[in-house]
Amino acid sequence: MILKELKEFVAKLPDTMDEFHVVNGEVGVLKEEGSDENLTYRIDKPIIALYVDEKSKEVCLFHQTQEDVNKVLKDGNTTGS
C-alpha cells in the first residue's frame, strides 16, 4: 500500500468513526497436534508512533514506543539479521 491509497481510504471513513482506535492486527492459526481442529486468533496492538523514512520512502506505523525500540536494540541483536 502506498500513502496515497491510505489517505484515500481514510478520507472515505464516516465521521462516526473518528473515535475508533487504530491498531496493528496480526492473524494466525494454532494447530493442535493429533487434532483436525485449528484455532484462529487475532492480536491487535495499538499504533502509538509514526516515523517517516524519506530515504526508503516508507511511512512506519509502530506499536512500540521509542524506549521499547531502544531496549530491544540495546539488549538484542542490532545487526538486523
C-alpha atoms as a PDB file:
ATOM      1  CA  MET A   1       0.000   0.000   0.000  1.00  0.00           C
ATOM      2  CA  ILE A   2       1.249   3.483  -0.767  1.00  0.00           C
ATOM      3  CA  LEU A   3       0.435   6.561   1.315  1.00  0.00           C
ATOM      4  CA  LYS A   4      -1.921   7.912  -1.357  1.00  0.00           C
ATOM      5  CA  GLU A   5      -4.068   4.762  -1.072  1.00  0.00           C
ATOM      6  CA  LEU A   6      -4.157   5.019   2.718  1.00  0.00           C
ATOM      7  CA  LYS A   7      -5.126   8.693   2.581  1.00  0.00           C
ATOM      8  CA  GLU A   8      -7.942   7.953   0.125  1.00  0.00           C
ATOM      9  CA  PHE A   9      -9.235   5.140   2.338  1.00  0.00           C
ATOM     10  CA  VAL A  10      -9.156   7.255   5.499  1.00  0.00           C
ATOM     11  CA  ALA A  11     -10.851  10.183   3.728  1.00  0.00           C
ATOM     12  CA  LYS A  12     -13.830   7.921   2.921  1.00  0.00           C
ATOM     13  CA  LEU A  13     -14.427   6.872   6.530  1.00  0.00           C
ATOM     14  CA  PRO A  14     -17.505   8.450   8.127  1.00  0.00           C
ATOM     15  CA  ASP A  15     -17.150  10.966  10.959  1.00  0.00           C
ATOM     16  CA  THR A  16     -18.875   8.466  13.245  1.00  0.00           C
ATOM     17  CA  MET A  17     -15.593   6.517  13.275  1.00  0.00           C
ATOM     18  CA  ASP A  18     -13.466   9.444  14.483  1.00  0.00           C
ATOM     19  CA  GLU A  19     -13.100   7.993  17.986  1.00  0.00           C
ATOM     20  CA  PHE A  20     -12.143   4.486  16.789  1.00  0.00           C
ATOM     21  CA  HIS A  21      -8.693   3.253  17.831  1.00  0.00           C
ATOM     22  CA  VAL A  22      -6.072   2.444  15.191  1.00  0.00           C
ATOM     23  CA  VAL A  23      -4.373  -0.904  15.760  1.00  0.00           C
ATOM     24  CA  ASN A  24      -1.895  -3.154  14.024  1.00  0.00           C
ATOM     25  CA  GLY A  25      -3.547  -6.547  13.694  1.00  0.00           C
ATOM     26  CA  GLU A  26      -1.986  -9.940  13.171  1.00  0.00           C
ATOM     27  CA  VAL A  27      -3.856 -13.156  12.389  1.00  0.00           C
ATOM     28  CA  GLY A  28      -2.533 -16.652  12.918  1.00  0.00           C
ATOM     29  CA  VAL A  29      -3.588 -20.267  13.239  1.00  0.00           C
ATOM     30  CA  LEU A  30      -2.709 -22.619  16.067  1.00  0.00           C
ATOM     31  CA  LYS A  31      -2.736 -26.284  15.105  1.00  0.00           C
ATOM     32  CA  GLU A  32      -3.182 -28.830  17.863  1.00  0.00           C
ATOM     33  CA  GLU A  33      -1.135 -31.984  17.419  1.00  0.00           C
ATOM     34  CA  GLY A  34      -3.258 -35.036  16.742  1.00  0.00           C
ATOM     35  CA  SER A  35      -6.353 -32.973  16.012  1.00  0.00           C
ATOM     36  CA  ASP A  36      -8.064 -31.844  12.844  1.00  0.00           C
ATOM     37  CA  GLU A  37      -9.243 -28.667  14.585  1.00  0.00           C
ATOM     38  CA  ASN A  38      -7.408 -25.367  14.341  1.00  0.00           C
ATOM     39  CA  LEU A  39      -7.741 -22.220  16.409  1.00  0.00           C
ATOM     40  CA  THR A  40      -7.634 -18.946  14.514  1.00  0.00           C
ATOM     41  CA  TYR A  41      -6.544 -15.938  16.564  1.00  0.00           C
ATOM     42  CA  ARG A  42      -6.081 -12.201  16.109  1.00  0.00           C
ATOM     43  CA  ILE A  43      -3.746  -9.982  18.108  1.00  0.00           C
ATOM     44  CA  ASP A  44      -4.295  -6.232  17.976  1.00  0.00           C
ATOM     45  CA  LYS A  45      -1.636  -3.768  19.094  1.00  0.00           C
ATOM     46  CA  PRO A  46      -2.400  -0.031  19.214  1.00  0.00           C
ATOM     47  CA  ILE A  47      -0.482   2.228  16.845  1.00  0.00           C
ATOM     48  CA  ILE A  48       1.314   4.685  19.112  1.00  0.00           C
ATOM     49  CA  ALA A  49       4.052   6.160  16.944  1.00  0.00           C
ATOM     50  CA  LEU A  50       4.657   7.192  13.349  1.00  0.00           C
ATOM     51  CA  TYR A  51       8.007   7.506  11.574  1.00  0.00           C
ATOM     52  CA  VAL A  52       8.697   8.727   8.051  1.00  0.00           C
ATOM     53  CA  ASP A  53      11.859   7.367   6.417  1.00  0.00           C
ATOM     54  CA  GLU A  54      12.457   9.641   3.449  1.00  0.00           C
ATOM     55  CA  LYS A  55      15.465   7.650   2.193  1.00  0.00           C
ATOM     56  CA  SER A  56      13.442   4.450   1.783  1.00  0.00           C
ATOM     57  CA  LYS A  57      10.180   6.320   1.055  1.00  0.00           C
ATOM     58  CA  GLU A  58       8.402   4.431   3.840  1.00  0.00           C
ATOM     59  CA  VAL A  59       5.879   5.531   6.454  1.00  0.00           C
ATOM     60  CA  CYS A  60       6.228   3.292   9.506  1.00  0.00           C
ATOM     61  CA  LEU A  61       3.390   2.800  11.991  1.00  0.00           C
ATOM     62  CA  PHE A  62       4.711   1.499  15.316  1.00  0.00           C
ATOM     63  CA  HIS A  63       3.034  -0.261  18.209  1.00  0.00           C
ATOM     64  CA  GLN A  64       6.199   0.230  20.261  1.00  0.00           C
ATOM     65  CA  THR A  65       7.480   3.345  21.988  1.00  0.00           C
ATOM     66  CA  GLN A  66      10.936   4.709  21.218  1.00  0.00           C
ATOM     67  CA  GLU A  67      12.012   3.448  24.639  1.00  0.00           C
ATOM     68  CA  ASP A  68      10.849  -0.072  23.730  1.00  0.00           C
ATOM     69  CA  VAL A  69      12.824   0.039  20.480  1.00  0.00           C
ATOM     70  CA  ASN A  70      15.922   1.340  22.245  1.00  0.00           C
ATOM     71  CA  LYS A  71      15.711  -1.504  24.787  1.00  0.00           C
ATOM     72  CA  VAL A  72      15.434  -4.120  22.019  1.00  0.00           C
ATOM     73  CA  LEU A  73      18.433  -2.647  20.234  1.00  0.00           C
ATOM     74  CA  LYS A  74      20.432  -2.447  23.461  1.00  0.00           C
ATOM     75  CA  ASP A  75      19.560  -5.959  24.714  1.00  0.00           C
ATOM     76  CA  GLY A  76      19.226  -7.804  21.437  1.00  0.00           C
ATOM     77  CA  ASN A  77      20.681  -8.185  18.004  1.00  0.00           C
ATOM     78  CA  THR A  78      21.394  -4.763  16.465  1.00  0.00           C
ATOM     79  CA  THR A  79      22.646  -6.055  13.122  1.00  0.00           C
ATOM     80  CA  GLY A  80      19.160  -6.549  11.676  1.00  0.00           C
ATOM     81  CA  SER A  81      19.745 -10.249  10.995  1.00  0.00           C
END
